[in-house]
Amino acid sequence: MGFFSKDIKSLDDLFVHTLRDIYYAEKQIVKSLPDMVEKATNPMLREGFQKHLEESKGHVARVEQVFEMHGETAKTVNCPAIDGILAEANEVAGEVDDKQVLDAALIAAAQAVEHYEITRYGTLIEWAKQLGRDDCAEVLKQNLDEEKATDKKLTELAESKVNLQAAE
């Protein structure tokens, strides 16, 4: 089913489709984060990626909870956007020899992922509210809040240490 598929006939259909999209994205992120942990050389960055891996596993569980609450089967749809963001991150990381520059590249890649997730969760929350599913919105908001906090920590780490070291 494509994003603007004829199978999407209502806001509820769109909500479920987008929920399946973020479910796929979160599962791909859980698969990709261990590699980012391994590549990161800055100890704070490694620790942050490790923490976010654990949070992302919780995000998967919360999305599964929302499927259940909404009476839907938890399943994925392919998400070319997250696939592209993760592929680009791997490509860039593979081309960087300088470890400080690599850390800066990893942060940039991680923030691209976070921003994608933030847009998806924000949209899902608003649609859930429109559908009268404040209960689902509350669960999704927990994921959104954690994604925003991770993005903020990445920005602070980049601006206070990693980008400065990469520039030396």
N, C-alpha and C. Protein backbone atom coordinates (compact mmCIF):
# COMPACT_ATOMS: atom_id res chain seq x y z
N MET A 1 0.85 -1.17 0.00
CA MET A 1 0.00 0.00 0.00
C MET A 1 0.90 1.23 0.00
N GLY A 2 0.76 2.08 -1.01
CA GLY A 2 1.52 3.32 -1.08
C GLY A 2 0.96 4.34 -0.11
N PHE A 3 1.70 5.40 0.12
CA PHE A 3 1.27 6.37 1.12
C PHE A 3 -0.10 6.95 0.78
N PHE A 4 -0.33 7.25 -0.49
CA PHE A 4 -1.63 7.79 -0.89
C PHE A 4 -2.43 6.71 -1.62
N SER A 5 -2.48 5.57 -1.00
CA SER A 5 -3.14 4.40 -1.56
C SER A 5 -4.65 4.57 -1.59
N LYS A 6 -5.26 3.93 -2.57
CA LYS A 6 -6.73 3.93 -2.63
C LYS A 6 -7.32 3.18 -1.45
N ASP A 7 -6.49 2.39 -0.72
CA ASP A 7 -6.96 1.68 0.45
C ASP A 7 -7.17 2.61 1.65
N ILE A 8 -6.65 3.82 1.58
CA ILE A 8 -6.83 4.79 2.65
C ILE A 8 -8.05 5.64 2.30
N LYS A 9 -9.13 5.38 3.02
CA LYS A 9 -10.39 6.05 2.71
C LYS A 9 -10.85 6.98 3.83
N SER A 10 -10.19 6.91 4.97
CA SER A 10 -10.63 7.72 6.11
C SER A 10 -9.41 8.14 6.93
N LEU A 11 -9.65 9.06 7.85
CA LEU A 11 -8.58 9.48 8.74
C LEU A 11 -8.11 8.30 9.59
N ASP A 12 -9.04 7.43 9.97
CA ASP A 12 -8.66 6.25 10.73
C ASP A 12 -7.73 5.35 9.92
N ASP A 13 -8.03 5.16 8.64
CA ASP A 13 -7.14 4.36 7.77
C ASP A 13 -5.76 5.00 7.69
N LEU A 14 -5.73 6.33 7.56
CA LEU A 14 -4.46 7.04 7.48
C LEU A 14 -3.69 6.94 8.79
N PHE A 15 -4.39 7.03 9.90
CA PHE A 15 -3.78 6.89 11.22
C PHE A 15 -3.12 5.51 11.34
N VAL A 16 -3.85 4.46 11.00
CA VAL A 16 -3.31 3.10 11.12
C VAL A 16 -2.12 2.92 10.18
N HIS A 17 -2.23 3.42 8.96
CA HIS A 17 -1.13 3.30 8.01
C HIS A 17 0.13 4.00 8.55
N THR A 18 -0.04 5.20 9.08
CA THR A 18 1.10 5.95 9.59
C THR A 18 1.65 5.31 10.86
N LEU A 19 0.79 4.72 11.66
CA LEU A 19 1.24 3.97 12.83
C LEU A 19 2.11 2.78 12.38
N ARG A 20 1.71 2.13 11.31
CA ARG A 20 2.51 1.02 10.77
C ARG A 20 3.84 1.52 10.22
N ASP A 21 3.84 2.71 9.67
CA ASP A 21 5.05 3.34 9.16
C ASP A 21 6.05 3.59 10.30
N ILE A 22 5.58 4.20 11.39
CA ILE A 22 6.49 4.50 12.51
C ILE A 22 6.90 3.22 13.22
N TYR A 23 6.06 2.22 13.20
CA TYR A 23 6.41 0.92 13.78
C TYR A 23 7.59 0.32 13.01
N TYR A 24 7.51 0.36 11.69
CA TYR A 24 8.62 -0.09 10.85
C TYR A 24 9.88 0.73 11.15
N ALA A 25 9.70 2.05 11.19
CA ALA A 25 10.85 2.94 11.43
C ALA A 25 11.52 2.62 12.77
N GLU A 26 10.73 2.48 13.82
CA GLU A 26 11.30 2.19 15.14
C GLU A 26 12.05 0.86 15.13
N LYS A 27 11.51 -0.13 14.45
CA LYS A 27 12.18 -1.44 14.40
C LYS A 27 13.50 -1.34 13.64
N GLN A 28 13.53 -0.54 12.57
CA GLN A 28 14.76 -0.35 11.81
C GLN A 28 15.80 0.41 12.65
N ILE A 29 15.33 1.36 13.42
CA ILE A 29 16.22 2.13 14.28
C ILE A 29 16.84 1.23 15.35
N VAL A 30 16.03 0.35 15.92
CA VAL A 30 16.55 -0.60 16.92
C VAL A 30 17.64 -1.47 16.29
N LYS A 31 17.49 -1.82 15.04
CA LYS A 31 18.51 -2.62 14.34
C LYS A 31 19.77 -1.81 14.05
N SER A 32 19.62 -0.52 13.78
CA SER A 32 20.75 0.33 13.37
C SER A 32 21.55 0.91 14.53
N LEU A 33 20.92 1.15 15.66
CA LEU A 33 21.60 1.82 16.77
C LEU A 33 22.82 1.07 17.30
N PRO A 34 22.83 -0.25 17.39
CA PRO A 34 24.05 -0.91 17.88
C PRO A 34 25.29 -0.58 17.03
N ASP A 35 25.10 -0.44 15.73
CA ASP A 35 26.21 -0.07 14.86
C ASP A 35 26.68 1.36 15.15
N MET A 36 25.74 2.24 15.44
CA MET A 36 26.11 3.62 15.77
C MET A 36 26.84 3.67 17.11
N VAL A 37 26.40 2.85 18.06
CA VAL A 37 27.09 2.77 19.35
C VAL A 37 28.54 2.35 19.12
N GLU A 38 28.72 1.36 18.28
CA GLU A 38 30.06 0.83 18.00
C GLU A 38 30.95 1.84 17.29
N LYS A 39 30.39 2.61 16.37
CA LYS A 39 31.18 3.56 15.59
C LYS A 39 31.54 4.83 16.36
N ALA A 40 30.69 5.22 17.29
CA ALA A 40 30.92 6.47 18.04
C ALA A 40 32.18 6.35 18.89
N THR A 41 32.99 7.41 18.87
CA THR A 41 34.21 7.40 19.69
C THR A 41 34.07 8.27 20.93
N ASN A 42 33.20 9.29 20.87
CA ASN A 42 32.98 10.14 22.03
C ASN A 42 32.19 9.33 23.06
N PRO A 43 32.71 9.20 24.29
CA PRO A 43 32.02 8.39 25.30
C PRO A 43 30.60 8.85 25.61
N MET A 44 30.37 10.16 25.62
CA MET A 44 29.03 10.67 25.89
C MET A 44 28.08 10.32 24.74
N LEU A 45 28.60 10.33 23.52
CA LEU A 45 27.78 9.99 22.36
C LEU A 45 27.44 8.50 22.37
N ARG A 46 28.44 7.68 22.67
CA ARG A 46 28.18 6.23 22.77
C ARG A 46 27.12 5.94 23.82
N GLU A 47 27.27 6.57 24.97
CA GLU A 47 26.32 6.38 26.07
C GLU A 47 24.92 6.85 25.66
N GLY A 48 24.86 7.97 24.96
CA GLY A 48 23.58 8.49 24.49
C GLY A 48 22.91 7.56 23.50
N PHE A 49 23.69 7.03 22.56
CA PHE A 49 23.14 6.07 21.60
C PHE A 49 22.65 4.81 22.30
N GLN A 50 23.42 4.35 23.29
CA GLN A 50 23.02 3.15 24.03
C GLN A 50 21.71 3.39 24.77
N LYS A 51 21.61 4.55 25.40
CA LYS A 51 20.38 4.90 26.12
C LYS A 51 19.20 4.99 25.15
N HIS A 52 19.45 5.58 23.99
CA HIS A 52 18.36 5.73 23.03
C HIS A 52 17.95 4.37 22.43
N LEU A 53 18.87 3.45 22.36
CA LEU A 53 18.52 2.10 21.92
C LEU A 53 17.49 1.50 22.87
N GLU A 54 17.74 1.64 24.17
CA GLU A 54 16.79 1.12 25.15
C GLU A 54 15.45 1.86 25.06
N GLU A 55 15.50 3.18 24.88
CA GLU A 55 14.27 3.96 24.72
C GLU A 55 13.52 3.51 23.47
N SER A 56 14.25 3.26 22.38
CA SER A 56 13.61 2.86 21.12
C SER A 56 12.91 1.51 21.26
N LYS A 57 13.48 0.63 22.04
CA LYS A 57 12.79 -0.65 22.31
C LYS A 57 11.47 -0.37 23.03
N GLY A 58 11.49 0.60 23.93
CA GLY A 58 10.26 1.01 24.61
C GLY A 58 9.27 1.67 23.65
N HIS A 59 9.79 2.40 22.65
CA HIS A 59 8.92 3.02 21.66
C HIS A 59 8.19 1.95 20.86
N VAL A 60 8.91 0.90 20.49
CA VAL A 60 8.29 -0.21 19.77
C VAL A 60 7.15 -0.79 20.61
N ALA A 61 7.41 -1.01 21.89
CA ALA A 61 6.39 -1.58 22.78
C ALA A 61 5.19 -0.64 22.90
N ARG A 62 5.43 0.66 22.98
CA ARG A 62 4.31 1.61 23.09
C ARG A 62 3.48 1.64 21.81
N VAL A 63 4.16 1.60 20.66
CA VAL A 63 3.41 1.57 19.39
C VAL A 63 2.57 0.30 19.33
N GLU A 64 3.13 -0.82 19.77
CA GLU A 64 2.35 -2.07 19.82
C GLU A 64 1.14 -1.90 20.75
N GLN A 65 1.33 -1.19 21.85
CA GLN A 65 0.24 -0.92 22.78
C GLN A 65 -0.87 -0.10 22.10
N VAL A 66 -0.47 0.88 21.30
CA VAL A 66 -1.45 1.71 20.60
C VAL A 66 -2.22 0.88 19.57
N PHE A 67 -1.52 0.01 18.85
CA PHE A 67 -2.24 -0.89 17.93
C PHE A 67 -3.31 -1.66 18.69
N GLU A 68 -2.93 -2.23 19.81
CA GLU A 68 -3.87 -3.03 20.61
C GLU A 68 -5.03 -2.17 21.10
N MET A 69 -4.73 -1.01 21.62
CA MET A 69 -5.78 -0.10 22.12
C MET A 69 -6.76 0.26 21.00
N HIS A 70 -6.22 0.39 19.79
CA HIS A 70 -7.03 0.82 18.65
C HIS A 70 -7.71 -0.36 17.94
N GLY A 71 -7.44 -1.57 18.43
CA GLY A 71 -8.08 -2.75 17.85
C GLY A 71 -7.49 -3.19 16.53
N GLU A 72 -6.22 -2.89 16.33
CA GLU A 72 -5.54 -3.23 15.09
C GLU A 72 -4.39 -4.19 15.35
N THR A 73 -4.03 -4.93 14.32
CA THR A 73 -2.89 -5.83 14.39
C THR A 73 -1.61 -5.01 14.24
N ALA A 74 -0.65 -5.27 15.09
CA ALA A 74 0.64 -4.58 14.99
C ALA A 74 1.42 -5.17 13.83
N LYS A 75 1.50 -4.40 12.75
CA LYS A 75 2.32 -4.82 11.62
C LYS A 75 2.90 -3.59 10.96
N THR A 76 3.91 -3.82 10.17
CA THR A 76 4.64 -2.72 9.55
C THR A 76 4.24 -2.53 8.09
N VAL A 77 4.51 -1.34 7.59
CA VAL A 77 4.55 -1.08 6.15
C VAL A 77 5.93 -0.51 5.88
N ASN A 78 6.46 -0.80 4.72
CA ASN A 78 7.78 -0.27 4.39
C ASN A 78 7.77 1.25 4.45
N CYS A 79 8.87 1.78 4.95
CA CYS A 79 9.02 3.23 5.08
C CYS A 79 10.28 3.64 4.32
N PRO A 80 10.14 4.00 3.05
CA PRO A 80 11.31 4.40 2.27
C PRO A 80 12.05 5.59 2.87
N ALA A 81 11.33 6.45 3.58
CA ALA A 81 11.99 7.64 4.16
C ALA A 81 13.02 7.23 5.20
N ILE A 82 12.64 6.38 6.16
CA ILE A 82 13.61 5.99 7.20
C ILE A 82 14.70 5.12 6.59
N ASP A 83 14.34 4.28 5.61
CA ASP A 83 15.36 3.47 4.94
C ASP A 83 16.41 4.38 4.29
N GLY A 84 15.97 5.45 3.66
CA GLY A 84 16.89 6.38 3.01
C GLY A 84 17.75 7.12 4.01
N ILE A 85 17.16 7.57 5.10
CA ILE A 85 17.92 8.28 6.14
C ILE A 85 18.98 7.37 6.73
N LEU A 86 18.62 6.13 7.03
CA LEU A 86 19.58 5.18 7.62
C LEU A 86 20.65 4.77 6.61
N ALA A 87 20.27 4.60 5.35
CA ALA A 87 21.26 4.25 4.31
C ALA A 87 22.26 5.39 4.13
N GLU A 88 21.78 6.62 4.13
CA GLU A 88 22.67 7.77 3.99
C GLU A 88 23.61 7.85 5.19
N ALA A 89 23.10 7.59 6.37
CA ALA A 89 23.94 7.62 7.58
C ALA A 89 25.06 6.59 7.47
N ASN A 90 24.73 5.39 7.03
CA ASN A 90 25.75 4.35 6.88
C ASN A 90 26.78 4.72 5.81
N GLU A 91 26.30 5.31 4.73
CA GLU A 91 27.20 5.70 3.64
C GLU A 91 28.18 6.79 4.11
N VAL A 92 27.65 7.81 4.75
CA VAL A 92 28.50 8.91 5.21
C VAL A 92 29.49 8.40 6.27
N ALA A 93 29.01 7.62 7.21
CA ALA A 93 29.87 7.10 8.28
C ALA A 93 30.99 6.23 7.70
N GLY A 94 30.71 5.54 6.63
CA GLY A 94 31.72 4.69 6.00
C GLY A 94 32.79 5.47 5.27
N GLU A 95 32.55 6.74 4.99
CA GLU A 95 33.48 7.55 4.22
C GLU A 95 34.36 8.45 5.10
N VAL A 96 34.14 8.45 6.41
CA VAL A 96 34.84 9.37 7.30
C VAL A 96 35.92 8.62 8.07
N ASP A 97 37.17 9.07 7.90
CA ASP A 97 38.28 8.43 8.61
C ASP A 97 38.57 9.10 9.95
N ASP A 98 38.46 10.43 10.00
CA ASP A 98 38.74 11.19 11.22
C ASP A 98 37.65 10.89 12.25
N LYS A 99 38.03 10.38 13.40
CA LYS A 99 37.06 9.94 14.41
C LYS A 99 36.20 11.07 14.95
N GLN A 100 36.77 12.28 15.11
CA GLN A 100 35.97 13.40 15.60
C GLN A 100 34.95 13.83 14.55
N VAL A 101 35.35 13.81 13.29
CA VAL A 101 34.42 14.14 12.22
C VAL A 101 33.35 13.05 12.10
N LEU A 102 33.74 11.81 12.31
CA LEU A 102 32.78 10.71 12.29
C LEU A 102 31.72 10.92 13.37
N ASP A 103 32.12 11.31 14.57
CA ASP A 103 31.14 11.57 15.63
C ASP A 103 30.17 12.68 15.23
N ALA A 104 30.69 13.73 14.59
CA ALA A 104 29.82 14.82 14.13
C ALA A 104 28.84 14.30 13.08
N ALA A 105 29.32 13.44 12.19
CA ALA A 105 28.45 12.85 11.16
C ALA A 105 27.38 11.96 11.78
N LEU A 106 27.77 11.20 12.79
CA LEU A 106 26.81 10.32 13.47
C LEU A 106 25.71 11.13 14.16
N ILE A 107 26.09 12.24 14.77
CA ILE A 107 25.09 13.09 15.41
C ILE A 107 24.13 13.65 14.35
N ALA A 108 24.67 14.12 13.24
CA ALA A 108 23.82 14.66 12.17
C ALA A 108 22.85 13.60 11.67
N ALA A 109 23.34 12.39 11.49
CA ALA A 109 22.49 11.29 11.02
C ALA A 109 21.42 10.96 12.06
N ALA A 110 21.82 10.92 13.32
CA ALA A 110 20.87 10.61 14.39
C ALA A 110 19.79 11.69 14.47
N GLN A 111 20.18 12.94 14.27
CA GLN A 111 19.18 14.01 14.33
C GLN A 111 18.21 13.94 13.15
N ALA A 112 18.69 13.51 11.99
CA ALA A 112 17.77 13.33 10.86
C ALA A 112 16.71 12.28 11.22
N VAL A 113 17.15 11.21 11.86
CA VAL A 113 16.22 10.17 12.31
C VAL A 113 15.24 10.75 13.34
N GLU A 114 15.77 11.48 14.32
CA GLU A 114 14.91 12.05 15.37
C GLU A 114 13.87 12.98 14.77
N HIS A 115 14.28 13.80 13.83
CA HIS A 115 13.35 14.76 13.24
C HIS A 115 12.24 14.04 12.47
N TYR A 116 12.59 12.96 11.79
CA TYR A 116 11.57 12.16 11.11
C TYR A 116 10.57 11.61 12.13
N GLU A 117 11.09 11.04 13.20
CA GLU A 117 10.21 10.48 14.23
C GLU A 117 9.34 11.55 14.88
N ILE A 118 9.91 12.71 15.14
CA ILE A 118 9.16 13.81 15.74
C ILE A 118 7.98 14.20 14.85
N THR A 119 8.21 14.30 13.54
CA THR A 119 7.10 14.67 12.65
C THR A 119 6.02 13.60 12.64
N ARG A 120 6.42 12.35 12.61
CA ARG A 120 5.44 11.26 12.58
C ARG A 120 4.64 11.20 13.87
N TYR A 121 5.32 11.26 15.02
CA TYR A 121 4.59 11.18 16.28
C TYR A 121 3.68 12.40 16.47
N GLY A 122 4.15 13.57 16.10
CA GLY A 122 3.31 14.76 16.22
C GLY A 122 2.02 14.62 15.41
N THR A 123 2.16 14.14 14.20
CA THR A 123 0.99 13.93 13.33
C THR A 123 0.07 12.87 13.92
N LEU A 124 0.64 11.75 14.34
CA LEU A 124 -0.18 10.67 14.90
C LEU A 124 -0.96 11.12 16.14
N ILE A 125 -0.32 11.92 16.97
CA ILE A 125 -0.99 12.42 18.18
C ILE A 125 -2.21 13.27 17.81
N GLU A 126 -2.03 14.17 16.86
CA GLU A 126 -3.15 15.03 16.46
C GLU A 126 -4.27 14.23 15.81
N TRP A 127 -3.91 13.27 14.97
CA TRP A 127 -4.94 12.43 14.35
C TRP A 127 -5.67 11.59 15.40
N ALA A 128 -4.93 11.06 16.36
CA ALA A 128 -5.56 10.28 17.42
C ALA A 128 -6.59 11.13 18.16
N LYS A 129 -6.23 12.37 18.45
CA LYS A 129 -7.17 13.27 19.13
C LYS A 129 -8.41 13.51 18.28
N GLN A 130 -8.21 13.73 16.98
CA GLN A 130 -9.34 13.95 16.07
C GLN A 130 -10.25 12.73 16.01
N LEU A 131 -9.66 11.57 16.17
CA LEU A 131 -10.43 10.31 16.14
C LEU A 131 -11.04 9.97 17.50
N GLY A 132 -10.87 10.88 18.48
CA GLY A 132 -11.43 10.63 19.81
C GLY A 132 -10.61 9.63 20.60
N ARG A 133 -9.35 9.46 20.24
CA ARG A 133 -8.48 8.48 20.90
C ARG A 133 -7.41 9.19 21.70
N ASP A 134 -7.85 9.96 22.68
CA ASP A 134 -6.90 10.65 23.56
C ASP A 134 -6.01 9.65 24.29
N ASP A 135 -6.54 8.45 24.54
CA ASP A 135 -5.74 7.42 25.20
C ASP A 135 -4.54 7.04 24.34
N CYS A 136 -4.77 6.87 23.04
CA CYS A 136 -3.66 6.56 22.12
C CYS A 136 -2.70 7.75 22.03
N ALA A 137 -3.26 8.95 21.97
CA ALA A 137 -2.43 10.16 21.89
C ALA A 137 -1.49 10.26 23.09
N GLU A 138 -1.99 9.94 24.27
CA GLU A 138 -1.16 10.01 25.48
C GLU A 138 0.02 9.05 25.41
N VAL A 139 -0.21 7.85 24.92
CA VAL A 139 0.87 6.87 24.80
C VAL A 139 1.89 7.34 23.76
N LEU A 140 1.40 7.82 22.63
CA LEU A 140 2.30 8.30 21.58
C LEU A 140 3.08 9.53 22.03
N LYS A 141 2.47 10.36 22.87
CA LYS A 141 3.16 11.56 23.38
C LYS A 141 4.38 11.19 24.21
N GLN A 142 4.34 10.07 24.88
CA GLN A 142 5.52 9.63 25.64
C GLN A 142 6.70 9.41 24.69
N ASN A 143 6.42 8.78 23.54
CA ASN A 143 7.49 8.58 22.54
C ASN A 143 7.96 9.92 22.00
N LEU A 144 7.02 10.80 21.67
CA LEU A 144 7.38 12.11 21.14
C LEU A 144 8.26 12.88 22.12
N ASP A 145 7.90 12.87 23.38
CA ASP A 145 8.68 13.59 24.39
C ASP A 145 10.10 13.04 24.48
N GLU A 146 10.25 11.73 24.40
CA GLU A 146 11.60 11.13 24.45
C GLU A 146 12.39 11.46 23.19
N GLU A 147 11.73 11.48 22.03
CA GLU A 147 12.43 11.82 20.78
C GLU A 147 12.92 13.27 20.84
N LYS A 148 12.08 14.17 21.34
CA LYS A 148 12.49 15.58 21.45
C LYS A 148 13.65 15.73 22.43
N ALA A 149 13.60 15.01 23.54
CA ALA A 149 14.68 15.08 24.52
C ALA A 149 15.99 14.56 23.93
N THR A 150 15.92 13.49 23.16
CA THR A 150 17.12 12.94 22.53
C THR A 150 17.69 13.95 21.54
N ASP A 151 16.83 14.56 20.74
CA ASP A 151 17.28 15.56 19.78
C ASP A 151 17.98 16.72 20.49
N LYS A 152 17.40 17.15 21.60
CA LYS A 152 18.00 18.26 22.37
C LYS A 152 19.37 17.87 22.91
N LYS A 153 19.49 16.65 23.44
CA LYS A 153 20.78 16.19 23.96
C LYS A 153 21.81 16.09 22.85
N LEU A 154 21.40 15.62 21.69
CA LEU A 154 22.33 15.54 20.55
C LEU A 154 22.82 16.93 20.15
N THR A 155 21.90 17.89 20.12
CA THR A 155 22.28 19.27 19.79
C THR A 155 23.28 19.81 20.79
N GLU A 156 23.00 19.62 22.07
CA GLU A 156 23.90 20.12 23.12
C GLU A 156 25.28 19.47 23.02
N LEU A 157 25.32 18.18 22.77
CA LEU A 157 26.60 17.48 22.65
C LEU A 157 27.36 17.96 21.42
N ALA A 158 26.65 18.13 20.33
CA ALA A 158 27.30 18.61 19.10
C ALA A 158 27.87 20.01 19.31
N GLU A 159 27.07 20.90 19.87
CA GLU A 159 27.49 22.30 20.00
C GLU A 159 28.54 22.50 21.08
N SER A 160 28.53 21.70 22.13
CA SER A 160 29.47 21.92 23.23
C SER A 160 30.80 21.18 23.06
N LYS A 161 30.81 20.08 22.31
CA LYS A 161 32.04 19.28 22.24
C LYS A 161 32.34 18.77 20.83
N VAL A 162 31.45 17.97 20.30
CA VAL A 162 31.78 17.16 19.12
C VAL A 162 32.10 18.01 17.90
N ASN A 163 31.29 19.01 17.60
CA ASN A 163 31.57 19.84 16.43
C ASN A 163 32.85 20.63 16.60
N LEU A 164 33.12 21.07 17.84
CA LEU A 164 34.37 21.81 18.10
C LEU A 164 35.58 20.92 17.86
N GLN A 165 35.51 19.69 18.35
CA GLN A 165 36.61 18.73 18.16
C GLN A 165 36.77 18.40 16.69
N ALA A 166 35.69 18.27 15.97
CA ALA A 166 35.75 17.93 14.55
C ALA A 166 36.39 19.05 13.74
N ALA A 167 36.21 20.29 14.21
CA ALA A 167 36.73 21.44 13.49
C ALA A 167 38.24 21.65 13.70
N GLU A 168 38.81 20.99 14.72
CA GLU A 168 40.23 21.20 15.03
C GLU A 168 41.14 20.58 13.99
